[in-house]
């Protein structure tokens, strides 16, 4: 696993765990993180693969978008 993927997983998990709203289906979103991190890792350069913090911020941003999308669907 690359540093980017580890960072992505950490950022995603951090954001999801900070959500206080049960409507976000936290368990389901956490279950998706491994697959999403692997897919995200395919889209970055070799240099970016070594950047934990880039992955972390991408993961948090992706999680924020996933939570917002779930909220929109449930409205």
N, C-alpha and C. Protein backbone atom coordinates (compact mmCIF):
# COMPACT_ATOMS: atom_id res chain seq x y z
N UNK A 1 0.84 -1.17 0.00
CA UNK A 1 0.00 0.00 0.00
C UNK A 1 0.89 1.24 0.00
N UNK A 2 0.52 2.20 -0.80
CA UNK A 2 1.33 3.42 -0.89
C UNK A 2 0.95 4.40 0.21
N UNK A 3 1.81 5.36 0.41
CA UNK A 3 1.54 6.41 1.41
C UNK A 3 0.28 7.18 1.04
N UNK A 4 0.08 7.41 -0.25
CA UNK A 4 -1.12 8.12 -0.70
C UNK A 4 -2.38 7.37 -0.29
N UNK A 5 -2.41 6.07 -0.55
CA UNK A 5 -3.59 5.26 -0.22
C UNK A 5 -3.81 5.23 1.29
N UNK A 6 -2.75 5.10 2.04
CA UNK A 6 -2.87 5.14 3.50
C UNK A 6 -3.43 6.48 3.96
N UNK A 7 -2.94 7.56 3.36
CA UNK A 7 -3.44 8.89 3.70
C UNK A 7 -4.90 9.06 3.31
N UNK A 8 -5.26 8.56 2.14
CA UNK A 8 -6.65 8.64 1.67
C UNK A 8 -7.57 7.94 2.67
N UNK A 9 -7.18 6.73 3.05
CA UNK A 9 -7.99 5.97 4.02
C UNK A 9 -8.09 6.72 5.34
N UNK A 10 -6.99 7.28 5.80
CA UNK A 10 -6.98 8.02 7.07
C UNK A 10 -7.88 9.25 6.98
N UNK A 11 -7.80 9.99 5.89
CA UNK A 11 -8.62 11.19 5.72
C UNK A 11 -10.10 10.85 5.63
N UNK A 12 -10.42 9.82 4.85
CA UNK A 12 -11.80 9.39 4.70
C UNK A 12 -12.36 8.97 6.05
N UNK A 13 -11.63 8.12 6.74
CA UNK A 13 -12.08 7.61 8.03
C UNK A 13 -12.22 8.74 9.05
N UNK A 14 -11.27 9.65 9.06
CA UNK A 14 -11.32 10.78 9.98
C UNK A 14 -12.58 11.61 9.76
N UNK A 15 -12.89 11.91 8.51
CA UNK A 15 -14.07 12.72 8.24
C UNK A 15 -15.35 11.98 8.61
N UNK A 16 -15.46 10.73 8.21
CA UNK A 16 -16.68 9.96 8.48
C UNK A 16 -16.89 9.81 9.99
N UNK A 17 -15.82 9.55 10.71
CA UNK A 17 -15.95 9.40 12.17
C UNK A 17 -16.30 10.71 12.85
N UNK A 18 -16.02 11.83 12.23
CA UNK A 18 -16.36 13.13 12.83
C UNK A 18 -17.82 13.50 12.59
N UNK A 19 -18.49 12.78 11.71
CA UNK A 19 -19.90 13.06 11.44
C UNK A 19 -20.74 12.59 12.62
N UNK A 20 -21.57 13.47 13.12
CA UNK A 20 -22.42 13.15 14.26
C UNK A 20 -23.82 12.74 13.83
N UNK A 21 -24.07 12.73 12.54
CA UNK A 21 -25.41 12.50 12.02
C UNK A 21 -25.59 11.02 11.66
N UNK A 22 -26.52 10.32 12.30
CA UNK A 22 -26.73 8.90 11.99
C UNK A 22 -27.27 8.66 10.58
N UNK A 23 -27.79 9.69 9.95
CA UNK A 23 -28.32 9.53 8.59
C UNK A 23 -27.22 9.27 7.56
N UNK A 24 -25.97 9.45 7.93
CA UNK A 24 -24.89 9.28 6.98
C UNK A 24 -24.50 7.83 6.76
N UNK A 25 -25.09 6.90 7.51
CA UNK A 25 -24.77 5.48 7.40
C UNK A 25 -23.27 5.27 7.50
N UNK A 26 -22.73 5.64 8.65
CA UNK A 26 -21.29 5.63 8.88
C UNK A 26 -20.66 4.28 8.56
N UNK A 27 -21.26 3.20 9.01
CA UNK A 27 -20.68 1.88 8.79
C UNK A 27 -20.54 1.56 7.30
N UNK A 28 -21.56 1.91 6.54
CA UNK A 28 -21.53 1.65 5.10
C UNK A 28 -20.45 2.48 4.42
N UNK A 29 -20.32 3.73 4.80
CA UNK A 29 -19.30 4.60 4.21
C UNK A 29 -17.90 4.15 4.59
N UNK A 30 -17.73 3.68 5.83
CA UNK A 30 -16.41 3.19 6.24
C UNK A 30 -16.05 1.92 5.49
N UNK A 31 -17.03 1.10 5.19
CA UNK A 31 -16.78 -0.15 4.47
C UNK A 31 -16.28 0.12 3.04
N UNK A 32 -16.62 1.26 2.48
CA UNK A 32 -16.24 1.59 1.10
C UNK A 32 -14.81 2.10 0.98
N UNK A 33 -14.20 2.47 2.07
CA UNK A 33 -12.95 3.22 2.00
C UNK A 33 -11.82 2.45 1.33
N UNK A 34 -11.69 1.17 1.57
CA UNK A 34 -10.56 0.44 0.98
C UNK A 34 -10.63 0.46 -0.54
N UNK A 35 -11.79 0.12 -1.07
CA UNK A 35 -11.96 0.12 -2.53
C UNK A 35 -11.76 1.50 -3.12
N UNK A 36 -12.34 2.50 -2.49
CA UNK A 36 -12.20 3.86 -3.00
C UNK A 36 -10.76 4.36 -2.94
N UNK A 37 -10.05 4.01 -1.88
CA UNK A 37 -8.65 4.42 -1.76
C UNK A 37 -7.81 3.78 -2.85
N UNK A 38 -8.03 2.51 -3.11
CA UNK A 38 -7.30 1.81 -4.18
C UNK A 38 -7.58 2.46 -5.53
N UNK A 39 -8.84 2.78 -5.79
CA UNK A 39 -9.20 3.41 -7.06
C UNK A 39 -8.59 4.80 -7.17
N UNK A 40 -8.63 5.55 -6.10
CA UNK A 40 -8.04 6.90 -6.11
C UNK A 40 -6.55 6.83 -6.35
N UNK A 41 -5.91 5.83 -5.78
CA UNK A 41 -4.47 5.66 -5.94
C UNK A 41 -4.06 5.40 -7.38
N UNK A 42 -4.96 4.86 -8.17
CA UNK A 42 -4.66 4.60 -9.58
C UNK A 42 -4.58 5.88 -10.39
N UNK A 43 -5.20 6.93 -9.89
CA UNK A 43 -5.28 8.17 -10.66
C UNK A 43 -4.20 9.19 -10.33
N UNK A 44 -3.21 8.83 -9.53
CA UNK A 44 -2.17 9.79 -9.18
C UNK A 44 -0.81 9.31 -9.68
N UNK A 45 0.09 10.25 -9.85
CA UNK A 45 1.42 9.93 -10.38
C UNK A 45 2.25 9.17 -9.36
N UNK A 46 3.39 8.64 -9.80
CA UNK A 46 4.29 7.92 -8.90
C UNK A 46 4.77 8.81 -7.76
N UNK A 47 5.06 10.06 -8.06
CA UNK A 47 5.51 11.00 -7.03
C UNK A 47 4.41 11.23 -6.01
N UNK A 48 3.18 11.35 -6.49
CA UNK A 48 2.05 11.58 -5.58
C UNK A 48 1.76 10.35 -4.73
N UNK A 49 2.11 9.17 -5.22
CA UNK A 49 1.89 7.94 -4.46
C UNK A 49 2.63 7.96 -3.13
N UNK A 50 3.69 8.75 -3.05
CA UNK A 50 4.50 8.82 -1.83
C UNK A 50 4.05 9.93 -0.89
N UNK A 51 2.95 10.61 -1.21
CA UNK A 51 2.51 11.76 -0.44
C UNK A 51 1.28 11.41 0.42
N UNK A 52 1.52 11.10 1.68
CA UNK A 52 0.46 10.76 2.62
C UNK A 52 -0.55 11.88 2.76
N UNK A 53 -0.06 13.12 2.91
CA UNK A 53 -0.96 14.24 3.19
C UNK A 53 -1.82 14.61 1.99
N UNK A 54 -1.33 14.42 0.80
CA UNK A 54 -2.16 14.62 -0.39
C UNK A 54 -3.31 13.62 -0.36
N UNK A 55 -3.00 12.37 -0.09
CA UNK A 55 -4.04 11.35 0.02
C UNK A 55 -5.02 11.66 1.13
N UNK A 56 -4.50 12.12 2.26
CA UNK A 56 -5.36 12.45 3.41
C UNK A 56 -6.39 13.52 3.02
N UNK A 57 -5.93 14.58 2.39
CA UNK A 57 -6.84 15.66 2.02
C UNK A 57 -7.81 15.23 0.92
N UNK A 58 -7.34 14.41 -0.01
CA UNK A 58 -8.25 13.89 -1.04
C UNK A 58 -9.30 12.99 -0.39
N UNK A 59 -8.90 12.17 0.56
CA UNK A 59 -9.84 11.29 1.24
C UNK A 59 -10.89 12.05 2.02
N UNK A 60 -10.48 13.08 2.73
CA UNK A 60 -11.45 13.90 3.49
C UNK A 60 -12.42 14.60 2.55
N UNK A 61 -11.91 15.11 1.43
CA UNK A 61 -12.77 15.79 0.47
C UNK A 61 -13.77 14.81 -0.15
N UNK A 62 -13.30 13.62 -0.49
CA UNK A 62 -14.19 12.61 -1.06
C UNK A 62 -15.25 12.18 -0.06
N UNK A 63 -14.87 12.02 1.20
CA UNK A 63 -15.84 11.64 2.23
C UNK A 63 -16.87 12.73 2.43
N UNK A 64 -16.44 13.97 2.44
CA UNK A 64 -17.37 15.10 2.58
C UNK A 64 -18.39 15.07 1.44
N UNK A 65 -17.93 14.82 0.22
CA UNK A 65 -18.83 14.76 -0.93
C UNK A 65 -19.78 13.57 -0.82
N UNK A 66 -19.31 12.43 -0.34
CA UNK A 66 -20.15 11.25 -0.19
C UNK A 66 -21.25 11.48 0.85
N UNK A 67 -20.91 12.12 1.95
CA UNK A 67 -21.89 12.43 2.98
C UNK A 67 -22.92 13.41 2.44
N UNK A 68 -22.48 14.43 1.73
CA UNK A 68 -23.40 15.42 1.16
C UNK A 68 -24.34 14.76 0.15
N UNK A 69 -23.81 13.85 -0.64
CA UNK A 69 -24.64 13.16 -1.63
C UNK A 69 -25.69 12.29 -0.94
N UNK A 70 -25.31 11.62 0.13
CA UNK A 70 -26.28 10.82 0.88
C UNK A 70 -27.37 11.69 1.48
N UNK A 71 -26.97 12.83 1.99
CA UNK A 71 -27.97 13.75 2.57
C UNK A 71 -28.94 14.25 1.51
N UNK A 72 -28.40 14.55 0.32
CA UNK A 72 -29.26 15.03 -0.76
C UNK A 72 -30.26 13.96 -1.19
N UNK A 73 -29.80 12.71 -1.25
CA UNK A 73 -30.69 11.61 -1.65
C UNK A 73 -31.77 11.34 -0.63
N UNK A 74 -31.45 11.55 0.64
CA UNK A 74 -32.43 11.26 1.69
C UNK A 74 -33.40 12.42 1.91
N UNK A 75 -33.16 13.53 1.28
CA UNK A 75 -34.05 14.70 1.45
C UNK A 75 -35.28 14.60 0.58
